[in-house]
Amino acid sequence: MHASYAQSLKNNIDHAYQQFVKSGKLPNGIASLTVLDGNTGQPIFTNNASIGLPTASTMKVITSITALDILGPDYTYQTKLAYTGEIDSLGVLHGDIIVIGSGDPTLGSDRFNNTKAETILNKWVYKIQHAGISRIDGRIIGDDLYLNGNDVPPTWNWQDIGNYYGAGISGLNWHENKVGIVISPHTVGKPTFVASTSLPLTDGTLINEVITGPNGSGDNVYAYSAPYSNIVYLRGTYGRDLKKVIEIAVPDPALALAQQLTRALSDIGIAVDSLPTTGKRLLNQGITLNKRPKELDIHQSPALKDIIHWFNQKSINLYGEAMLKSFGIISHNESTTLEAASLLSKYWEQKLRIPNSELNIQDGSGLSPQNRVTTAAMAKIMHYAQGRPWFADFKKSLPTINGITMKSGTIGGVLGYTGFHTSKSGQPVTFSLLVNNYTGSTAAMRQEMFKLLNSLK
């Protein structure tokens, strides 16, 4: 009975795939599909399964599975609040307050109750007060040296890295390393102006070159900056009828945190004598941080399984880059993106005998257009996950799209889906589908892909 289910499903997929190819949307492009039997892991259908293609955000499933396997579902990041020097009898701290990061991507995020910026700042202000400190004869330092400061994967595009989804990964992340910009449009064709920002951009200059677009033209705004830039350019068009907050990357998240904590202390009357700074900035001046500060608080992130939920549901690239670097450090003390990505490929070569050439990985999130992964490799890793004790948490993290549990991916000219499904006849499958260099609109290509994946039902 099981064999006949599989054969019938194979025929359905084969027919749907022929129709998909005939849609005329890939005259100069390529599609790759791997469908595995969910029970045995054996192929039910493959086409171009051994061709490495850009993944877009479907890469996130590989990063998630690797992180769950190496770090464990209950892994947490720790951020420490500490001080150097001594507190005198008048409550003056003759030293610095230091926030020591470990790469926690959720610090200051609005997605969890205990990570919200206001919650964390209030807690830290209380801890500083409770230590008897009434004035700081020093400064607030955001220690971001754990990952050597703020950085972006070297293969990311210039058009991406100034925007919220292309924000760098820092040793001390804050508010997902992004800031909201409220833009006020004008007459069509005329310059817009920036009405407000969700955080003060006190350490840099925002140059707004955005033009008002016609009604219905939407958001075509891009920010151009890089880690530690002190100038951010806003370019593109913003629809006259649009009411949307534009989110851009913060060039120095650790400094943004140090500035906010300085302000929060000032608001309750605790003066900080010197300007806030970061571990990276001090290092660049030849100043090393005190190695043995006295701890005031240890903030623990949500568990990895909960971070992965938002990572896959909302496709937060920052979370993937944090996880990639974390298992790079934990497995081989390698914190650079490319070294960690190489270790990830080697992990699956050892675990499932997947050749390195099938997992040519450049980042943890899929934003790099230079990723080259085969659908055969992705489907095998997805199938492997089903046998792990944390699988229920991983599967729950995947969105339901077109009635199927799967992760989507979209970057220029690339669309992908990978996931799990059980057909009406009871046949479970694991699948991966990637298309590259399609013609026509993204929406039209997506519908063709849905028609093809409907054959799994």
Protein backbone atom coordinates (compact mmCIF):
# COMPACT_ATOMS: atom_id res chain seq x y z
CA MET A 1 0.00 0.00 0.00
CA HIS A 2 2.81 2.39 0.99
CA ALA A 3 4.66 1.75 -2.29
CA SER A 4 1.54 2.50 -4.32
CA TYR A 5 1.04 5.77 -2.39
CA ALA A 6 4.61 6.78 -3.22
CA GLN A 7 4.23 5.79 -6.90
CA SER A 8 0.96 7.68 -7.22
CA LEU A 9 2.53 10.73 -5.57
CA LYS A 10 5.55 10.50 -7.86
CA ASN A 11 3.23 10.52 -10.89
CA ASN A 12 1.35 13.55 -9.54
CA ILE A 13 4.56 15.48 -8.96
CA ASP A 14 5.99 14.49 -12.33
CA HIS A 15 2.85 15.73 -14.13
CA ALA A 16 2.80 18.97 -12.12
CA TYR A 17 6.50 19.54 -12.76
CA GLN A 18 6.02 19.19 -16.52
CA GLN A 19 3.23 21.80 -16.35
CA PHE A 20 5.48 24.02 -14.22
CA VAL A 21 8.31 23.89 -16.78
CA LYS A 22 5.85 24.68 -19.59
CA SER A 23 4.64 27.83 -17.80
CA GLY A 24 7.20 29.82 -19.82
CA LYS A 25 8.63 31.58 -16.77
CA LEU A 26 12.08 29.95 -16.91
CA PRO A 27 13.29 30.43 -20.52
CA ASN A 28 16.72 31.48 -19.22
CA GLY A 29 16.41 30.22 -15.69
CA ILE A 30 16.55 26.98 -13.77
CA ALA A 31 14.38 25.13 -11.26
CA SER A 32 15.44 22.43 -8.82
CA LEU A 33 13.10 20.16 -6.85
CA THR A 34 13.83 17.35 -4.41
CA VAL A 35 10.99 15.43 -2.74
CA LEU A 36 11.93 12.77 -0.18
CA ASP A 37 9.79 10.09 1.45
CA GLY A 38 9.17 11.51 4.93
CA ASN A 39 9.53 8.06 6.50
CA THR A 40 12.55 6.61 4.74
CA GLY A 41 14.34 9.67 3.35
CA GLN A 42 14.48 8.03 -0.07
CA PRO A 43 13.88 10.25 -3.13
CA ILE A 44 10.35 10.26 -4.56
CA PHE A 45 11.09 12.92 -7.18
CA THR A 46 14.19 14.90 -8.15
CA ASN A 47 15.05 17.34 -10.91
CA ASN A 48 18.32 19.31 -11.03
CA ALA A 49 18.75 18.18 -7.42
CA SER A 50 22.56 18.33 -7.56
CA ILE A 51 22.79 21.89 -8.98
CA GLY A 52 23.91 24.49 -6.42
CA LEU A 53 21.61 27.52 -6.42
CA PRO A 54 21.17 30.72 -4.37
CA THR A 55 18.90 29.92 -1.43
CA ALA A 56 17.46 33.23 -0.28
CA SER A 57 15.87 32.73 3.16
CA THR A 58 15.40 28.98 2.78
CA MET A 59 19.00 28.94 4.10
CA LYS A 60 17.47 29.70 7.50
CA VAL A 61 16.31 26.09 7.92
CA ILE A 62 19.89 24.82 7.60
CA THR A 63 21.13 27.40 10.12
CA SER A 64 18.26 26.58 12.50
CA ILE A 65 18.85 22.83 12.36
CA THR A 66 22.62 23.21 12.80
CA ALA A 67 22.18 25.58 15.76
CA LEU A 68 19.64 23.29 17.44
CA ASP A 69 21.97 20.31 16.92
CA ILE A 70 25.19 22.01 18.12
CA LEU A 71 23.99 24.57 20.68
CA GLY A 72 20.81 22.78 21.82
CA PRO A 73 17.21 24.08 22.03
CA ASP A 74 17.71 25.55 25.54
CA TYR A 75 20.91 27.46 24.75
CA THR A 76 20.82 31.10 25.94
CA TYR A 77 23.00 34.17 25.46
CA GLN A 78 24.20 36.14 28.49
CA THR A 79 24.71 39.89 28.67
CA LYS A 80 26.45 41.20 31.78
CA LEU A 81 26.13 44.57 33.50
CA ALA A 82 29.27 45.37 35.51
CA TYR A 83 31.42 48.19 36.84
CA THR A 84 35.10 48.99 37.28
CA GLY A 85 36.71 51.10 40.00
CA GLU A 86 35.29 51.85 43.44
CA ILE A 87 32.15 53.41 44.88
CA ASP A 88 32.99 56.03 47.53
CA SER A 89 31.00 56.91 50.65
CA LEU A 90 29.01 59.56 48.74
CA GLY A 91 27.89 57.03 46.13
CA VAL A 92 30.24 58.26 43.40
CA LEU A 93 31.55 55.48 41.17
CA HIS A 94 35.15 56.28 40.28
CA GLY A 95 35.13 54.03 37.22
CA ASP A 96 32.93 52.89 34.37
CA ILE A 97 29.69 50.96 33.89
CA ILE A 98 30.21 48.24 31.26
CA VAL A 99 27.59 46.24 29.35
CA ILE A 100 29.36 43.05 28.19
CA GLY A 101 27.82 41.40 25.15
CA SER A 102 27.93 37.78 23.97
CA GLY A 103 26.21 38.29 20.62
CA ASP A 104 22.60 38.03 21.91
CA PRO A 105 20.48 39.08 18.89
CA THR A 106 17.33 39.59 21.01
CA LEU A 107 18.69 42.23 23.42
CA GLY A 108 16.30 45.20 23.26
CA SER A 109 13.93 43.40 20.83
CA ASP A 110 10.18 44.01 21.08
CA ARG A 111 9.41 40.36 20.24
CA PHE A 112 9.76 39.01 23.80
CA ASN A 113 8.48 40.49 27.07
CA ASN A 114 11.80 40.24 28.91
CA THR A 115 13.95 41.58 26.04
CA LYS A 116 12.18 44.91 25.43
CA ALA A 117 14.55 47.88 25.58
CA GLU A 118 12.54 49.68 28.28
CA THR A 119 12.38 46.54 30.45
CA ILE A 120 16.14 45.96 30.25
CA LEU A 121 17.06 49.62 30.79
CA ASN A 122 14.76 49.86 33.82
CA LYS A 123 16.31 46.70 35.30
CA TRP A 124 19.84 47.97 34.78
CA VAL A 125 19.06 51.43 36.19
CA TYR A 126 17.62 49.70 39.29
CA LYS A 127 20.73 47.49 39.65
CA ILE A 128 23.02 50.54 39.43
CA GLN A 129 20.91 52.42 42.01
CA HIS A 130 20.76 49.34 44.25
CA ALA A 131 24.58 49.16 44.22
CA GLY A 132 24.54 52.59 45.90
CA ILE A 133 25.75 54.52 42.86
CA SER A 134 24.46 58.10 42.68
CA ARG A 135 26.97 59.49 40.17
CA ILE A 136 29.41 57.99 37.69
CA ASP A 137 32.82 59.62 37.45
CA GLY A 138 33.45 57.73 34.21
CA ARG A 139 31.29 56.57 31.34
CA ILE A 140 28.96 53.86 30.05
CA ILE A 141 30.82 51.39 27.81
CA GLY A 142 29.07 48.99 25.45
CA ASP A 143 31.54 46.08 25.29
CA ASP A 144 31.02 44.68 21.78
CA LEU A 145 34.40 42.93 21.50
CA TYR A 146 33.03 39.36 21.75
CA LEU A 147 32.54 39.22 17.96
CA ASN A 148 35.18 41.89 17.29
CA GLY A 149 32.62 44.67 17.12
CA ASN A 150 29.90 45.20 14.52
CA ASP A 151 30.29 43.51 11.12
CA VAL A 152 28.35 42.33 8.07
CA PRO A 153 29.02 39.19 6.01
CA PRO A 154 31.48 40.19 3.25
CA THR A 155 29.28 38.90 0.42
CA TRP A 156 26.20 41.00 1.29
CA ASN A 157 25.10 43.70 -1.18
CA TRP A 158 25.72 47.42 -0.61
CA GLN A 159 22.01 48.08 -1.29
CA ASP A 160 21.06 45.78 1.60
CA ILE A 161 23.44 46.53 4.45
CA GLY A 162 22.08 49.98 5.38
CA ASN A 163 18.55 48.62 5.83
CA TYR A 164 17.02 46.82 8.82
CA TYR A 165 17.18 43.39 7.14
CA GLY A 166 20.88 43.91 6.33
CA ALA A 167 21.91 45.19 9.77
CA GLY A 168 25.30 44.01 10.95
CA ILE A 169 25.91 41.42 13.68
CA SER A 170 27.60 42.88 16.76
CA GLY A 171 29.06 41.44 19.94
CA LEU A 172 26.51 43.72 21.62
CA ASN A 173 23.32 43.97 19.58
CA TRP A 174 20.53 46.37 20.55
CA HIS A 175 16.91 46.66 19.36
CA GLU A 176 17.72 44.28 16.49
CA ASN A 177 20.26 46.89 15.33
CA LYS A 178 17.62 48.99 13.62
CA VAL A 179 15.91 52.37 13.97
CA GLY A 180 12.56 53.56 12.61
CA ILE A 181 12.35 56.63 10.35
CA VAL A 182 9.05 58.50 9.85
CA ILE A 183 9.04 60.16 6.43
CA SER A 184 6.63 62.93 5.45
CA PRO A 185 5.90 63.06 1.70
CA HIS A 186 5.38 66.26 -0.31
CA THR A 187 4.13 66.97 -3.82
CA VAL A 188 4.93 64.15 -6.26
CA GLY A 189 8.46 64.56 -7.58
CA LYS A 190 9.51 66.82 -4.70
CA PRO A 191 11.82 65.94 -1.79
CA THR A 192 10.37 64.34 1.34
CA PHE A 193 11.50 65.26 4.85
CA VAL A 194 12.24 63.16 7.93
CA ALA A 195 9.62 63.87 10.60
CA SER A 196 11.09 61.76 13.41
CA THR A 197 13.21 58.75 14.35
CA SER A 198 12.41 56.03 16.92
CA LEU A 199 15.87 56.46 18.47
CA PRO A 200 18.03 59.60 18.42
CA LEU A 201 20.80 59.33 15.82
CA THR A 202 23.17 61.43 17.92
CA ASP A 203 26.39 59.91 16.61
CA GLY A 204 25.77 60.41 12.90
CA THR A 205 24.24 62.46 10.11
CA LEU A 206 21.13 61.35 8.22
CA ILE A 207 21.09 62.73 4.67
CA ASN A 208 17.61 62.40 3.15
CA GLU A 209 17.51 62.31 -0.66
CA VAL A 210 14.14 60.50 -0.89
CA ILE A 211 11.68 61.86 -3.47
CA THR A 212 7.88 61.74 -3.15
CA GLY A 213 6.44 59.09 -5.46
CA PRO A 214 2.91 58.94 -6.89
CA ASN A 215 0.02 57.40 -4.94
CA GLY A 216 0.27 53.62 -4.91
CA SER A 217 4.00 53.55 -5.68
CA GLY A 218 4.79 52.34 -2.14
CA ASP A 219 8.10 52.08 -0.34
CA ASN A 220 11.18 52.22 -2.57
CA VAL A 221 13.43 53.73 0.08
CA TYR A 222 16.92 52.34 0.66
CA ALA A 223 19.41 53.41 3.31
CA TYR A 224 23.11 53.37 2.43
CA SER A 225 25.58 52.98 5.28
CA ALA A 226 28.00 50.46 6.74
CA PRO A 227 29.13 49.45 10.25
CA TYR A 228 30.53 52.54 12.03
CA SER A 229 29.40 54.93 9.27
CA ASN A 230 28.75 58.41 10.62
CA ILE A 231 26.73 59.33 7.53
CA VAL A 232 23.56 57.49 6.44
CA TYR A 233 22.06 58.27 3.04
CA LEU A 234 18.34 57.71 2.40
CA ARG A 235 17.58 57.36 -1.32
CA GLY A 236 14.68 56.29 -3.53
CA THR A 237 10.99 57.16 -3.53
CA TYR A 238 8.22 57.14 -0.92
CA GLY A 239 4.60 57.01 -2.13
CA ARG A 240 2.58 60.16 -1.43
CA ASP A 241 -0.23 58.13 0.17
CA LEU A 242 2.10 55.84 2.14
CA LYS A 243 1.99 55.71 5.94
CA LYS A 244 4.85 53.39 6.81
CA VAL A 245 7.78 53.62 9.20
CA ILE A 246 11.02 52.95 7.28
CA GLU A 247 13.47 50.84 9.27
CA ILE A 248 17.21 51.23 8.72
CA ALA A 249 20.34 49.64 10.19
CA VAL A 250 22.12 51.28 13.14
CA PRO A 251 25.84 51.62 12.27
CA ASP A 252 26.98 51.06 15.88
CA PRO A 253 24.41 49.20 18.04
CA ALA A 254 26.69 49.01 21.11
CA LEU A 255 27.07 52.79 21.10
CA ALA A 256 23.29 53.23 20.71
CA LEU A 257 22.77 51.06 23.81
CA ALA A 258 25.43 52.94 25.81
CA GLN A 259 23.80 56.26 24.84
CA GLN A 260 20.33 55.06 25.87
CA LEU A 261 21.55 53.75 29.23
CA THR A 262 23.36 57.06 29.85
CA ARG A 263 20.10 58.94 29.15
CA ALA A 264 18.04 56.57 31.34
CA LEU A 265 20.42 57.18 34.26
CA SER A 266 20.38 60.93 33.69
CA ASP A 267 16.54 60.88 33.73
CA ILE A 268 16.56 59.66 37.34
CA GLY A 269 19.33 62.01 38.44
CA ILE A 270 22.41 59.76 38.10
CA ALA A 271 24.90 61.91 36.20
CA VAL A 272 27.51 60.28 33.97
CA ASP A 273 30.56 62.52 33.64
CA SER A 274 31.99 61.28 30.32
CA LEU A 275 30.49 60.49 26.94
CA PRO A 276 29.36 56.89 26.24
CA THR A 277 31.61 54.70 24.12
CA THR A 278 32.23 51.07 23.11
CA GLY A 279 34.87 48.40 23.54
CA LYS A 280 35.69 48.55 19.83
CA ARG A 281 36.13 52.33 19.84
CA LEU A 282 38.39 52.16 22.88
CA LEU A 283 40.43 49.36 21.31
CA ASN A 284 40.92 51.51 18.21
CA GLN A 285 42.37 54.17 20.55
CA GLY A 286 44.74 51.61 22.08
CA ILE A 287 42.73 51.33 25.31
CA THR A 288 41.92 47.85 26.66
CA LEU A 289 38.97 47.18 28.94
CA ASN A 290 39.32 46.06 32.54
CA LYS A 291 39.26 42.26 32.42
CA ARG A 292 37.77 41.78 35.91
CA PRO A 293 34.83 44.13 36.39
CA LYS A 294 32.38 43.56 39.27
CA GLU A 295 29.05 42.11 38.09
CA LEU A 296 25.75 43.84 38.79
CA ASP A 297 23.43 41.76 36.61
CA ILE A 298 23.35 38.89 34.12
CA HIS A 299 20.59 39.14 31.52
CA GLN A 300 19.66 35.84 29.88
CA SER A 301 18.15 35.72 26.41
CA PRO A 302 15.12 33.58 25.55
CA ALA A 303 15.95 29.94 24.77
CA LEU A 304 17.32 29.20 21.30
CA LYS A 305 14.13 27.32 20.33
CA ASP A 306 12.15 30.55 20.96
CA ILE A 307 14.67 32.66 19.05
CA ILE A 308 14.37 30.22 16.12
CA HIS A 309 10.58 30.60 16.19
CA TRP A 310 10.86 34.30 15.31
CA PHE A 311 13.87 33.69 13.07
CA ASN A 312 11.77 31.52 10.73
CA GLN A 313 8.37 33.15 11.21
CA LYS A 314 9.60 36.68 10.46
CA SER A 315 12.84 35.87 8.58
CA ILE A 316 15.08 37.99 10.84
CA ASN A 317 18.51 37.86 9.21
CA LEU A 318 20.31 39.16 12.32
CA TYR A 319 19.26 36.05 14.29
CA GLY A 320 20.80 33.76 11.67
CA GLU A 321 24.11 35.60 11.62
CA ALA A 322 24.25 35.50 15.44
CA MET A 323 23.60 31.75 15.48
CA LEU A 324 26.16 31.10 12.74
CA LYS A 325 28.89 32.96 14.64
CA SER A 326 27.85 31.34 17.94
CA PHE A 327 28.34 27.78 16.75
CA GLY A 328 31.51 28.89 14.94
CA ILE A 329 32.95 30.05 18.27
CA ILE A 330 31.62 27.14 20.33
CA SER A 331 32.71 24.41 17.91
CA HIS A 332 36.11 25.79 16.77
CA ASN A 333 36.57 29.27 18.29
CA GLU A 334 36.00 30.87 14.86
CA SER A 335 33.91 34.06 14.94
CA THR A 336 34.17 35.27 11.33
CA THR A 337 31.17 34.63 9.11
CA LEU A 338 33.08 32.78 6.39
CA GLU A 339 35.01 30.55 8.81
CA ALA A 340 31.78 29.69 10.66
CA ALA A 341 29.99 28.99 7.34
CA SER A 342 32.85 26.67 6.32
CA LEU A 343 32.53 24.83 9.64
CA LEU A 344 28.79 24.46 9.02
CA SER A 345 29.47 22.79 5.65
CA LYS A 346 32.04 20.48 7.26
CA TYR A 347 29.55 19.54 9.98
CA TRP A 348 27.08 18.20 7.42
CA GLU A 349 29.81 16.52 5.42
CA GLN A 350 30.71 14.54 8.55
CA LYS A 351 27.13 14.02 9.72
CA LEU A 352 25.35 13.13 6.45
CA ARG A 353 28.25 12.81 3.97
CA ILE A 354 26.99 15.84 2.00
CA PRO A 355 29.88 17.10 -0.20
CA ASN A 356 31.12 20.64 0.47
CA SER A 357 30.25 21.61 -3.10
CA GLU A 358 26.55 21.01 -2.30
CA LEU A 359 26.73 23.44 0.65
CA ASN A 360 28.73 26.43 -0.59
CA ILE A 361 27.56 28.73 2.18
CA GLN A 362 28.40 32.42 2.67
CA ASP A 363 26.13 33.44 5.57
CA GLY A 364 23.54 32.20 8.07
CA SER A 365 20.44 33.93 6.76
CA GLY A 366 20.49 33.54 2.96
CA LEU A 367 20.81 37.25 2.19
CA SER A 368 24.08 36.63 0.35
CA PRO A 369 23.46 36.19 -3.40
CA GLN A 370 26.60 34.01 -3.51
CA ASN A 371 25.17 31.08 -1.54
CA ARG A 372 25.08 27.90 -3.64
CA VAL A 373 23.16 25.00 -2.10
CA THR A 374 21.51 21.98 -3.74
CA THR A 375 17.91 21.06 -3.02
CA ALA A 376 19.17 17.51 -2.39
CA ALA A 377 21.37 18.76 0.48
CA MET A 378 18.66 20.98 1.94
CA ALA A 379 16.04 18.20 1.82
CA LYS A 380 18.45 15.71 3.45
CA ILE A 381 19.16 18.10 6.33
CA MET A 382 15.43 18.76 6.72
CA HIS A 383 14.76 15.00 6.80
CA TYR A 384 17.51 14.52 9.41
CA ALA A 385 15.78 17.07 11.67
CA GLN A 386 12.68 14.86 11.91
CA GLY A 387 14.59 12.34 14.03
CA ARG A 388 15.93 14.86 16.54
CA PRO A 389 14.38 15.47 20.00
CA TRP A 390 13.91 19.18 19.26
CA PHE A 391 12.07 18.59 15.97
CA ALA A 392 8.63 19.68 17.27
CA ASP A 393 10.06 23.12 18.18
CA PHE A 394 11.73 23.46 14.80
CA LYS A 395 8.64 22.43 12.83
CA LYS A 396 6.49 24.84 14.84
CA SER A 397 8.84 27.67 13.81
CA LEU A 398 8.02 27.18 10.12
CA PRO A 399 5.17 29.27 8.66
CA THR A 400 2.12 27.72 7.02
CA ILE A 401 2.02 28.95 3.42
CA ASN A 402 -0.53 27.77 0.84
CA GLY A 403 -1.65 25.13 3.35
CA ILE A 404 1.87 23.63 3.65
CA THR A 405 4.39 23.87 6.53
CA MET A 406 7.37 25.51 4.82
CA LYS A 407 9.96 28.28 4.86
CA SER A 408 10.02 30.69 1.96
CA GLY A 409 12.91 32.63 0.46
CA THR A 410 13.05 35.66 -1.85
CA ILE A 411 15.95 37.72 -3.19
CA GLY A 412 16.54 39.21 -6.66
CA GLY A 413 15.56 36.60 -9.28
CA VAL A 414 15.42 33.81 -6.67
CA LEU A 415 12.42 32.12 -5.02
CA GLY A 416 12.41 29.07 -2.81
CA TYR A 417 10.32 26.88 -0.51
CA THR A 418 11.35 24.03 1.75
CA GLY A 419 9.23 22.12 4.24
CA PHE A 420 7.16 19.12 5.28
CA HIS A 421 3.74 17.85 4.22
CA THR A 422 1.55 14.78 4.52
CA SER A 423 -0.70 14.02 1.57
CA LYS A 424 -4.39 13.12 1.87
CA SER A 425 -3.39 9.51 1.32
CA GLY A 426 -1.09 9.65 4.36
CA GLN A 427 2.28 9.93 2.59
CA PRO A 428 4.66 12.25 4.49
CA VAL A 429 7.24 14.12 2.41
CA THR A 430 10.18 16.47 2.92
CA PHE A 431 10.85 18.81 0.00
CA SER A 432 13.00 21.64 -1.27
CA LEU A 433 12.22 23.79 -4.33
CA LEU A 434 14.43 26.58 -5.69
CA VAL A 435 14.05 28.68 -8.85
CA ASN A 436 16.65 31.07 -10.22
CA ASN A 437 16.43 33.77 -12.92
CA TYR A 438 12.71 33.48 -13.60
CA THR A 439 10.87 35.99 -15.81
CA GLY A 440 7.72 37.95 -15.00
CA SER A 441 6.51 39.12 -11.61
CA THR A 442 7.42 37.49 -8.31
CA ALA A 443 3.70 37.06 -7.52
CA ALA A 444 3.10 35.15 -10.79
CA MET A 445 6.12 32.88 -10.24
CA ARG A 446 4.97 32.20 -6.69
CA GLN A 447 1.58 31.03 -7.95
CA GLU A 448 3.23 28.64 -10.40
CA MET A 449 5.32 27.23 -7.54
CA PHE A 450 2.20 26.80 -5.39
CA LYS A 451 0.53 24.86 -8.22
CA LEU A 452 3.55 22.58 -8.38
CA LEU A 453 3.64 22.07 -4.60
CA ASN A 454 -0.10 21.36 -4.58
CA SER A 455 0.83 18.01 -6.14
CA LEU A 456 2.17 17.01 -2.71
CA LYS A 457 -1.29 17.31 -1.23
